[in-house]
Amino acid sequence: QSLLAGQLPAAWRRLAPDTQKSLSSWLLHFRRRHAQYVAWTQEEPAVMWLAGLHVPEAYITALIQSTCRKNGWALDRTSLSTRVTTFTDPSEVTSPPEGGCYITGLYMEGAAWNADDVCLKRQDPKQLVVEFPIIHLTPVETHRLRLQNTFRAPVYGTQGARNKVGVGRGFGVE
C-alpha cells in the first residue's frame, strides 16, 4: 500500500536511516548512497557526501582518530576546524586535501552563503533551504585552533533536526 501512495514502506524504514523523504526521493538518495559506497571500495572519495553515510558522525570521528594516531595527538585535545571552500560541485575537486577531508551534502535553512564576501548572508526570497558549498574539515590540536568571526552552527543528519539514528543533534561546525 505504501508503494502506491509514494511512501517508504515500514519494513524498509526500519532498516534505513531516519528520513522524511518520499519514496521517489528516497530511491534517488539510495542509488547515490550505493554508488558512493561502491566507489569507496576502490579508493576514498575526494569529496565525501555526508548525507550518503548511514552515520556521518562515525566518519568524522574516524577522521579525527586517524589524524590523532598519525600525529601523536591526544584525542581529548583535538578539535575540528571547518572552512568553506570555493568549490560548489564535487566534480571540481580533483584530489583529497593534504589534511582532513572535503565534505558535501550540507544545507542551510534561513541563510545563504555569500561566496564573494566569504560569509553568511540573508537568504534569498523564497529560498528557505540552500546547499552549502563544499567544506574542508580538518582535525587540529585545540590549542592551535583560532576562531575569529565565526558562528557555531548545529549540523543535523535529517530534516527533523535529529542525527541519522534519530536522536539529538549531529555535530557543530564553526
N, C-alpha and C. Protein backbone atom coordinates (compact mmCIF):
# COMPACT_ATOMS: atom_id res chain seq x y z
N GLN A 1 0.83 -1.20 0.00
CA GLN A 1 0.00 0.00 0.00
C GLN A 1 0.87 1.26 0.00
N SER A 2 1.98 1.24 0.75
CA SER A 2 2.87 2.40 0.82
C SER A 2 3.44 2.74 -0.55
N LEU A 3 3.80 1.72 -1.32
CA LEU A 3 4.38 1.95 -2.65
C LEU A 3 3.41 2.69 -3.54
N LEU A 4 2.12 2.33 -3.47
CA LEU A 4 1.12 3.00 -4.29
C LEU A 4 0.93 4.46 -3.87
N ALA A 5 1.14 4.73 -2.60
CA ALA A 5 0.99 6.09 -2.08
C ALA A 5 2.28 6.91 -2.22
N GLY A 6 3.34 6.29 -2.75
CA GLY A 6 4.61 7.01 -2.93
C GLY A 6 5.35 7.22 -1.62
N GLN A 7 5.12 6.33 -0.65
CA GLN A 7 5.78 6.45 0.64
C GLN A 7 6.70 5.26 0.87
N LEU A 8 7.66 5.46 1.75
CA LEU A 8 8.62 4.42 2.08
C LEU A 8 7.91 3.35 2.93
N PRO A 9 7.94 2.09 2.50
CA PRO A 9 7.30 1.03 3.28
C PRO A 9 7.91 0.91 4.68
N ALA A 10 7.10 0.57 5.66
CA ALA A 10 7.55 0.46 7.05
C ALA A 10 8.70 -0.52 7.21
N ALA A 11 8.65 -1.64 6.48
CA ALA A 11 9.73 -2.63 6.58
C ALA A 11 11.06 -2.05 6.10
N TRP A 12 11.03 -1.22 5.07
CA TRP A 12 12.25 -0.57 4.58
C TRP A 12 12.70 0.51 5.56
N ARG A 13 11.74 1.25 6.10
CA ARG A 13 12.04 2.36 7.01
C ARG A 13 12.80 1.87 8.24
N ARG A 14 12.47 0.68 8.73
CA ARG A 14 13.14 0.13 9.92
C ARG A 14 14.61 -0.17 9.64
N LEU A 15 14.97 -0.43 8.39
CA LEU A 15 16.34 -0.80 8.03
C LEU A 15 17.17 0.36 7.49
N ALA A 16 16.55 1.52 7.34
CA ALA A 16 17.22 2.66 6.73
C ALA A 16 17.38 3.79 7.74
N PRO A 17 18.30 4.72 7.47
CA PRO A 17 18.42 5.89 8.34
C PRO A 17 17.09 6.67 8.37
N ASP A 18 16.86 7.37 9.46
CA ASP A 18 15.65 8.16 9.61
C ASP A 18 15.53 9.17 8.47
N THR A 19 14.35 9.27 7.89
CA THR A 19 14.14 10.17 6.77
C THR A 19 12.70 10.64 6.70
N GLN A 20 12.50 11.78 6.08
CA GLN A 20 11.16 12.28 5.79
C GLN A 20 10.93 12.32 4.28
N LYS A 21 11.78 11.69 3.54
CA LYS A 21 11.71 11.72 2.08
C LYS A 21 10.54 10.88 1.56
N SER A 22 10.03 11.30 0.41
CA SER A 22 9.05 10.49 -0.30
C SER A 22 9.78 9.29 -0.89
N LEU A 23 9.03 8.32 -1.38
CA LEU A 23 9.64 7.12 -1.94
C LEU A 23 10.56 7.44 -3.11
N SER A 24 10.11 8.31 -4.01
CA SER A 24 10.94 8.62 -5.18
C SER A 24 12.24 9.32 -4.77
N SER A 25 12.16 10.27 -3.83
CA SER A 25 13.38 10.94 -3.35
C SER A 25 14.28 9.97 -2.61
N TRP A 26 13.67 9.08 -1.83
CA TRP A 26 14.44 8.09 -1.08
C TRP A 26 15.19 7.16 -2.03
N LEU A 27 14.53 6.73 -3.13
CA LEU A 27 15.18 5.84 -4.09
C LEU A 27 16.36 6.52 -4.78
N LEU A 28 16.21 7.80 -5.14
CA LEU A 28 17.32 8.55 -5.73
C LEU A 28 18.48 8.65 -4.73
N HIS A 29 18.15 8.93 -3.49
CA HIS A 29 19.14 9.03 -2.43
C HIS A 29 19.83 7.69 -2.23
N PHE A 30 19.06 6.60 -2.23
CA PHE A 30 19.60 5.26 -2.04
C PHE A 30 20.58 4.90 -3.16
N ARG A 31 20.21 5.21 -4.40
CA ARG A 31 21.10 4.90 -5.54
C ARG A 31 22.40 5.68 -5.43
N ARG A 32 22.31 6.95 -5.03
CA ARG A 32 23.52 7.76 -4.88
C ARG A 32 24.38 7.23 -3.73
N ARG A 33 23.75 6.83 -2.62
CA ARG A 33 24.48 6.24 -1.50
C ARG A 33 25.20 4.98 -1.95
N HIS A 34 24.49 4.14 -2.68
CA HIS A 34 25.08 2.88 -3.15
C HIS A 34 26.28 3.17 -4.04
N ALA A 35 26.15 4.12 -4.95
CA ALA A 35 27.26 4.48 -5.84
C ALA A 35 28.46 4.98 -5.05
N GLN A 36 28.21 5.78 -4.00
CA GLN A 36 29.32 6.28 -3.18
C GLN A 36 30.03 5.12 -2.47
N TYR A 37 29.25 4.19 -1.91
CA TYR A 37 29.86 3.05 -1.22
C TYR A 37 30.66 2.17 -2.18
N VAL A 38 30.12 1.95 -3.37
CA VAL A 38 30.84 1.13 -4.36
C VAL A 38 32.16 1.82 -4.75
N ALA A 39 32.10 3.12 -5.02
CA ALA A 39 33.32 3.86 -5.38
C ALA A 39 34.32 3.86 -4.23
N TRP A 40 33.82 3.93 -3.01
CA TRP A 40 34.67 3.98 -1.83
C TRP A 40 35.44 2.68 -1.64
N THR A 41 34.93 1.57 -2.14
CA THR A 41 35.66 0.30 -2.03
C THR A 41 36.93 0.33 -2.87
N GLN A 42 36.98 1.18 -3.88
CA GLN A 42 38.17 1.32 -4.72
C GLN A 42 39.17 2.30 -4.11
N GLU A 43 38.68 3.45 -3.67
CA GLU A 43 39.51 4.47 -3.01
C GLU A 43 38.59 5.47 -2.32
N GLU A 44 39.15 6.14 -1.32
CA GLU A 44 38.33 7.13 -0.61
C GLU A 44 38.00 8.28 -1.56
N PRO A 45 36.75 8.71 -1.59
CA PRO A 45 36.37 9.80 -2.49
C PRO A 45 37.11 11.10 -2.15
N ALA A 46 37.36 11.93 -3.16
CA ALA A 46 37.98 13.23 -2.93
C ALA A 46 37.04 14.11 -2.11
N VAL A 47 35.74 13.93 -2.30
CA VAL A 47 34.72 14.66 -1.56
C VAL A 47 33.73 13.64 -1.01
N MET A 48 33.55 13.65 0.31
CA MET A 48 32.62 12.71 0.93
C MET A 48 31.24 13.35 1.02
N TRP A 49 30.26 12.66 0.48
CA TRP A 49 28.87 13.11 0.56
C TRP A 49 28.32 12.63 1.90
N LEU A 50 28.29 13.52 2.89
CA LEU A 50 27.91 13.13 4.24
C LEU A 50 26.49 12.59 4.32
N ALA A 51 25.60 13.15 3.55
CA ALA A 51 24.21 12.70 3.60
C ALA A 51 24.07 11.26 3.13
N GLY A 52 25.06 10.76 2.41
CA GLY A 52 25.02 9.39 1.92
C GLY A 52 25.54 8.36 2.91
N LEU A 53 26.04 8.81 4.04
CA LEU A 53 26.54 7.89 5.05
C LEU A 53 25.43 7.57 6.05
N HIS A 54 25.40 6.32 6.50
CA HIS A 54 24.38 5.91 7.46
C HIS A 54 24.55 6.68 8.77
N VAL A 55 25.78 6.81 9.25
CA VAL A 55 26.06 7.57 10.47
C VAL A 55 27.25 8.49 10.18
N PRO A 56 27.00 9.69 9.67
CA PRO A 56 28.10 10.60 9.31
C PRO A 56 29.01 10.94 10.49
N GLU A 57 28.47 10.96 11.69
CA GLU A 57 29.28 11.27 12.87
C GLU A 57 30.41 10.25 13.03
N ALA A 58 30.16 9.01 12.65
CA ALA A 58 31.19 7.97 12.76
C ALA A 58 32.35 8.24 11.80
N TYR A 59 32.04 8.73 10.61
CA TYR A 59 33.09 9.07 9.64
C TYR A 59 33.96 10.20 10.19
N ILE A 60 33.32 11.21 10.75
CA ILE A 60 34.06 12.36 11.28
C ILE A 60 34.89 11.94 12.49
N THR A 61 34.34 11.08 13.34
CA THR A 61 35.09 10.57 14.48
C THR A 61 36.31 9.78 14.01
N ALA A 62 36.13 8.96 13.00
CA ALA A 62 37.26 8.18 12.46
C ALA A 62 38.32 9.10 11.87
N LEU A 63 37.90 10.17 11.21
CA LEU A 63 38.85 11.15 10.66
C LEU A 63 39.69 11.75 11.78
N ILE A 64 39.04 12.14 12.86
CA ILE A 64 39.75 12.74 13.99
C ILE A 64 40.69 11.72 14.62
N GLN A 65 40.20 10.51 14.85
CA GLN A 65 41.03 9.48 15.49
C GLN A 65 42.24 9.11 14.64
N SER A 66 42.06 8.96 13.34
CA SER A 66 43.20 8.59 12.49
C SER A 66 44.23 9.72 12.43
N THR A 67 43.77 10.96 12.44
CA THR A 67 44.70 12.09 12.44
C THR A 67 45.47 12.14 13.75
N CYS A 68 44.79 11.88 14.87
CA CYS A 68 45.46 11.86 16.17
C CYS A 68 46.53 10.78 16.21
N ARG A 69 46.21 9.58 15.72
CA ARG A 69 47.18 8.48 15.70
C ARG A 69 48.39 8.84 14.83
N LYS A 70 48.11 9.39 13.66
CA LYS A 70 49.17 9.73 12.70
C LYS A 70 50.12 10.78 13.28
N ASN A 71 49.57 11.78 14.00
CA ASN A 71 50.37 12.89 14.50
C ASN A 71 50.77 12.77 15.97
N GLY A 72 50.30 11.72 16.65
CA GLY A 72 50.63 11.55 18.06
C GLY A 72 49.93 12.54 18.97
N TRP A 73 48.74 13.00 18.59
CA TRP A 73 47.99 13.97 19.39
C TRP A 73 47.08 13.25 20.36
N ALA A 74 46.77 13.92 21.46
CA ALA A 74 45.78 13.40 22.41
C ALA A 74 44.38 13.62 21.82
N LEU A 75 43.60 12.58 21.81
CA LEU A 75 42.25 12.66 21.24
C LEU A 75 41.39 13.70 21.94
N ASP A 76 41.49 13.78 23.26
CA ASP A 76 40.65 14.72 24.00
C ASP A 76 41.13 16.17 23.89
N ARG A 77 42.22 16.39 23.19
CA ARG A 77 42.73 17.75 22.97
C ARG A 77 42.74 18.09 21.49
N THR A 78 41.82 17.47 20.75
CA THR A 78 41.73 17.70 19.32
C THR A 78 40.34 18.23 18.98
N SER A 79 40.30 19.20 18.11
CA SER A 79 39.04 19.80 17.66
C SER A 79 38.94 19.69 16.15
N LEU A 80 37.82 20.10 15.65
CA LEU A 80 37.58 20.05 14.22
C LEU A 80 37.49 21.47 13.67
N SER A 81 38.31 21.78 12.71
CA SER A 81 38.28 23.08 12.06
C SER A 81 37.50 22.94 10.75
N THR A 82 36.66 23.91 10.45
CA THR A 82 35.89 23.87 9.20
C THR A 82 36.19 25.13 8.39
N ARG A 83 36.28 24.94 7.10
CA ARG A 83 36.50 26.08 6.19
C ARG A 83 35.64 25.85 4.96
N VAL A 84 34.82 26.83 4.64
CA VAL A 84 34.00 26.74 3.43
C VAL A 84 34.91 27.02 2.24
N THR A 85 34.90 26.13 1.27
CA THR A 85 35.76 26.29 0.09
C THR A 85 35.03 27.06 -1.00
N THR A 86 35.72 27.29 -2.09
CA THR A 86 35.10 27.93 -3.25
C THR A 86 34.47 26.90 -4.17
N PHE A 87 34.67 25.62 -3.88
CA PHE A 87 34.08 24.55 -4.70
C PHE A 87 32.58 24.44 -4.43
N THR A 88 31.80 24.31 -5.47
CA THR A 88 30.36 24.13 -5.30
C THR A 88 29.89 22.77 -5.80
N ASP A 89 30.75 22.08 -6.55
CA ASP A 89 30.39 20.78 -7.10
C ASP A 89 31.56 19.82 -6.90
N PRO A 90 31.29 18.59 -6.45
CA PRO A 90 32.38 17.64 -6.23
C PRO A 90 33.25 17.38 -7.46
N SER A 91 32.70 17.56 -8.65
CA SER A 91 33.49 17.33 -9.86
C SER A 91 34.62 18.35 -10.02
N GLU A 92 34.53 19.47 -9.31
CA GLU A 92 35.58 20.50 -9.36
C GLU A 92 36.82 20.08 -8.57
N VAL A 93 36.66 19.12 -7.66
CA VAL A 93 37.75 18.69 -6.78
C VAL A 93 38.44 17.50 -7.43
N THR A 94 39.74 17.64 -7.68
CA THR A 94 40.46 16.57 -8.37
C THR A 94 41.16 15.60 -7.43
N SER A 95 41.44 16.03 -6.17
CA SER A 95 42.10 15.14 -5.22
C SER A 95 41.73 15.56 -3.80
N PRO A 96 41.85 14.63 -2.87
CA PRO A 96 41.55 14.97 -1.47
C PRO A 96 42.54 16.01 -0.95
N PRO A 97 42.19 16.73 0.11
CA PRO A 97 43.13 17.71 0.67
C PRO A 97 44.30 17.00 1.36
N GLU A 98 45.36 17.72 1.61
CA GLU A 98 46.54 17.16 2.30
C GLU A 98 46.18 16.66 3.70
N GLY A 99 45.34 17.41 4.39
CA GLY A 99 44.91 17.02 5.72
C GLY A 99 43.40 17.13 5.82
N GLY A 100 42.78 16.24 6.55
CA GLY A 100 41.33 16.31 6.71
C GLY A 100 40.60 15.74 5.50
N CYS A 101 39.43 16.28 5.24
CA CYS A 101 38.63 15.82 4.11
C CYS A 101 37.70 16.92 3.63
N TYR A 102 37.23 16.76 2.40
CA TYR A 102 36.19 17.64 1.86
C TYR A 102 34.86 16.93 2.04
N ILE A 103 33.84 17.71 2.43
CA ILE A 103 32.50 17.14 2.57
C ILE A 103 31.49 17.97 1.79
N THR A 104 30.44 17.30 1.36
CA THR A 104 29.33 17.95 0.68
C THR A 104 28.04 17.36 1.22
N GLY A 105 26.93 17.96 0.84
CA GLY A 105 25.63 17.44 1.27
C GLY A 105 25.05 18.16 2.46
N LEU A 106 25.60 19.33 2.81
CA LEU A 106 25.04 20.11 3.91
C LEU A 106 24.19 21.24 3.34
N TYR A 107 23.11 21.54 4.03
CA TYR A 107 22.18 22.58 3.60
C TYR A 107 21.98 23.57 4.73
N MET A 108 21.61 24.80 4.35
CA MET A 108 21.30 25.84 5.33
C MET A 108 19.82 26.17 5.24
N GLU A 109 19.24 26.44 6.40
CA GLU A 109 17.88 26.94 6.45
C GLU A 109 17.91 28.36 6.97
N GLY A 110 17.25 29.27 6.28
CA GLY A 110 17.14 30.64 6.76
C GLY A 110 18.35 31.50 6.52
N ALA A 111 19.31 31.04 5.74
CA ALA A 111 20.51 31.82 5.41
C ALA A 111 21.04 31.32 4.07
N ALA A 112 22.04 32.01 3.57
CA ALA A 112 22.70 31.60 2.33
C ALA A 112 24.18 31.93 2.47
N TRP A 113 24.99 31.42 1.56
CA TRP A 113 26.42 31.67 1.59
C TRP A 113 26.79 32.70 0.54
N ASN A 114 27.50 33.72 0.95
CA ASN A 114 27.99 34.75 0.05
C ASN A 114 29.42 34.39 -0.32
N ALA A 115 29.60 33.86 -1.52
CA ALA A 115 30.92 33.40 -1.96
C ALA A 115 31.89 34.57 -2.15
N ASP A 116 31.40 35.72 -2.54
CA ASP A 116 32.28 36.88 -2.76
C ASP A 116 32.86 37.40 -1.45
N ASP A 117 32.01 37.53 -0.42
CA ASP A 117 32.46 38.06 0.88
C ASP A 117 32.86 36.96 1.85
N VAL A 118 32.70 35.70 1.45
CA VAL A 118 33.04 34.54 2.26
C VAL A 118 32.39 34.62 3.66
N CYS A 119 31.07 34.74 3.64
CA CYS A 119 30.33 34.82 4.90
C CYS A 119 28.86 34.48 4.66
N LEU A 120 28.14 34.32 5.75
CA LEU A 120 26.70 34.09 5.64
C LEU A 120 26.01 35.37 5.23
N LYS A 121 24.89 35.22 4.57
CA LYS A 121 24.07 36.38 4.20
C LYS A 121 22.61 36.01 4.40
N ARG A 122 21.76 36.99 4.29
CA ARG A 122 20.33 36.72 4.38
C ARG A 122 19.93 35.82 3.23
N GLN A 123 18.97 34.96 3.50
CA GLN A 123 18.50 34.07 2.45
C GLN A 123 17.84 34.88 1.34
N ASP A 124 17.91 34.36 0.13
CA ASP A 124 17.23 35.00 -0.99
C ASP A 124 15.73 34.76 -0.85
N PRO A 125 14.92 35.65 -1.39
CA PRO A 125 13.47 35.48 -1.27
C PRO A 125 13.02 34.12 -1.81
N LYS A 126 12.13 33.49 -1.08
CA LYS A 126 11.50 32.22 -1.45
C LYS A 126 12.47 31.05 -1.55
N GLN A 127 13.64 31.16 -0.91
CA GLN A 127 14.61 30.06 -0.85
C GLN A 127 14.91 29.76 0.61
N LEU A 128 14.09 28.91 1.20
CA LEU A 128 14.26 28.59 2.61
C LEU A 128 15.48 27.71 2.85
N VAL A 129 15.74 26.76 1.94
CA VAL A 129 16.84 25.82 2.11
C VAL A 129 17.77 25.92 0.90
N VAL A 130 19.08 26.10 1.17
CA VAL A 130 20.08 26.17 0.10
C VAL A 130 21.24 25.26 0.45
N GLU A 131 21.90 24.73 -0.57
CA GLU A 131 23.04 23.84 -0.34
C GLU A 131 24.30 24.66 -0.04
N PHE A 132 25.04 24.19 0.94
CA PHE A 132 26.31 24.81 1.29
C PHE A 132 27.35 24.44 0.25
N PRO A 133 28.34 25.29 -0.01
CA PRO A 133 29.48 24.86 -0.84
C PRO A 133 30.23 23.73 -0.13
N ILE A 134 31.19 23.15 -0.80
CA ILE A 134 31.98 22.07 -0.21
C ILE A 134 32.80 22.63 0.95
N ILE A 135 32.86 21.85 2.03
CA ILE A 135 33.54 22.28 3.26
C ILE A 135 34.77 21.41 3.47
N HIS A 136 35.84 22.04 3.92
CA HIS A 136 37.08 21.33 4.26
C HIS A 136 37.09 21.14 5.77
N LEU A 137 37.02 19.89 6.23
CA LEU A 137 37.11 19.56 7.65
C LEU A 137 38.55 19.17 7.94
N THR A 138 39.12 19.76 8.99
CA THR A 138 40.49 19.45 9.36
C THR A 138 40.60 19.27 10.86
N PRO A 139 41.01 18.09 11.33
CA PRO A 139 41.28 17.94 12.76
C PRO A 139 42.53 18.76 13.13
N VAL A 140 42.46 19.48 14.24
CA VAL A 140 43.59 20.29 14.72
C VAL A 140 43.69 20.16 16.23
N GLU A 141 44.88 20.38 16.74
CA GLU A 141 45.04 20.43 18.19
C GLU A 141 44.29 21.65 18.70
N THR A 142 43.51 21.46 19.75
CA THR A 142 42.63 22.52 20.24
C THR A 142 43.37 23.81 20.55
N HIS A 143 44.58 23.72 21.13
CA HIS A 143 45.31 24.94 21.47
C HIS A 143 45.79 25.70 20.23
N ARG A 144 45.77 25.07 19.07
CA ARG A 144 46.18 25.75 17.83
C ARG A 144 44.99 26.33 17.05
N LEU A 145 43.78 26.01 17.50
CA LEU A 145 42.57 26.45 16.80
C LEU A 145 42.31 27.91 17.12
N ARG A 146 42.25 28.74 16.11
CA ARG A 146 41.99 30.16 16.27
C ARG A 146 40.67 30.49 15.59
N LEU A 147 39.70 30.88 16.39
CA LEU A 147 38.38 31.19 15.84
C LEU A 147 38.15 32.69 15.91
N GLN A 148 38.01 33.29 14.76
CA GLN A 148 37.69 34.71 14.68
C GLN A 148 36.57 34.88 13.67
N ASN A 149 35.61 35.72 14.01
CA ASN A 149 34.48 35.98 13.12
C ASN A 149 33.80 34.68 12.69
N THR A 150 33.57 33.81 13.66
CA THR A 150 32.94 32.54 13.36
C THR A 150 31.57 32.45 14.00
N PHE A 151 30.78 31.54 13.51
CA PHE A 151 29.44 31.29 14.02
C PHE A 151 29.31 29.80 14.24
N ARG A 152 29.01 29.38 15.46
CA ARG A 152 28.86 27.95 15.75
C ARG A 152 27.45 27.53 15.33
N ALA A 153 27.40 26.62 14.39
CA ALA A 153 26.11 26.18 13.84
C ALA A 153 25.93 24.69 14.07
N PRO A 154 24.74 24.28 14.49
CA PRO A 154 24.49 22.85 14.61
C PRO A 154 24.29 22.22 13.24
N VAL A 155 24.72 20.98 13.10
CA VAL A 155 24.54 20.23 11.85
C VAL A 155 23.72 18.99 12.18
N TYR A 156 22.63 18.83 11.46
CA TYR A 156 21.74 17.69 11.70
C TYR A 156 21.79 16.75 10.51
N GLY A 157 21.55 15.48 10.78
CA GLY A 157 21.58 14.47 9.72
C GLY A 157 20.27 14.32 8.99
N THR A 158 19.20 14.89 9.54
CA THR A 158 17.89 14.75 8.89
C THR A 158 17.14 16.08 8.95
N GLN A 159 16.05 16.15 8.22
CA GLN A 159 15.23 17.36 8.21
C GLN A 159 14.54 17.58 9.55
N GLY A 160 14.39 16.55 10.34
CA GLY A 160 13.71 16.66 11.62
C GLY A 160 14.62 17.09 12.76
N ALA A 161 15.73 17.72 12.46
CA ALA A 161 16.68 18.20 13.47
C ALA A 161 17.13 17.07 14.40
N ARG A 162 17.45 15.95 13.81
CA ARG A 162 17.95 14.79 14.54
C ARG A 162 19.16 14.26 13.79
N ASN A 163 19.96 13.45 14.47
CA ASN A 163 21.05 12.81 13.74
C ASN A 163 20.50 11.59 13.01
N LYS A 164 21.33 10.84 12.33
CA LYS A 164 20.86 9.74 11.49
C LYS A 164 20.23 8.59 12.26
N VAL A 165 20.54 8.47 13.56
CA VAL A 165 19.92 7.40 14.32
C VAL A 165 18.69 7.90 15.07
N GLY A 166 18.31 9.16 14.81
CA GLY A 166 17.04 9.67 15.29
C GLY A 166 17.06 10.37 16.63
N VAL A 167 18.23 10.70 17.16
CA VAL A 167 18.25 11.37 18.45
C VAL A 167 19.16 12.59 18.42
N GLY A 168 18.81 13.59 19.21
CA GLY A 168 19.68 14.74 19.43
C GLY A 168 20.18 15.43 18.19
N ARG A 169 21.24 16.17 18.35
CA ARG A 169 21.82 16.84 17.19
C ARG A 169 23.00 16.07 16.67
N GLY A 170 23.39 16.37 15.46
CA GLY A 170 24.53 15.68 14.86
C GLY A 170 25.84 16.17 15.44
N PHE A 171 26.33 17.30 14.99
CA PHE A 171 27.59 17.87 15.48
C PHE A 171 27.56 19.35 15.18
N GLY A 172 28.55 20.08 15.66
CA GLY A 172 28.59 21.51 15.41
C GLY A 172 29.76 21.88 14.53
N VAL A 173 29.61 22.93 13.76
CA VAL A 173 30.70 23.47 12.95
C VAL A 173 30.83 24.95 13.24
N GLU A 174 32.02 25.47 13.06
CA GLU A 174 32.25 26.90 13.28
C GLU A 174 32.81 27.53 12.05
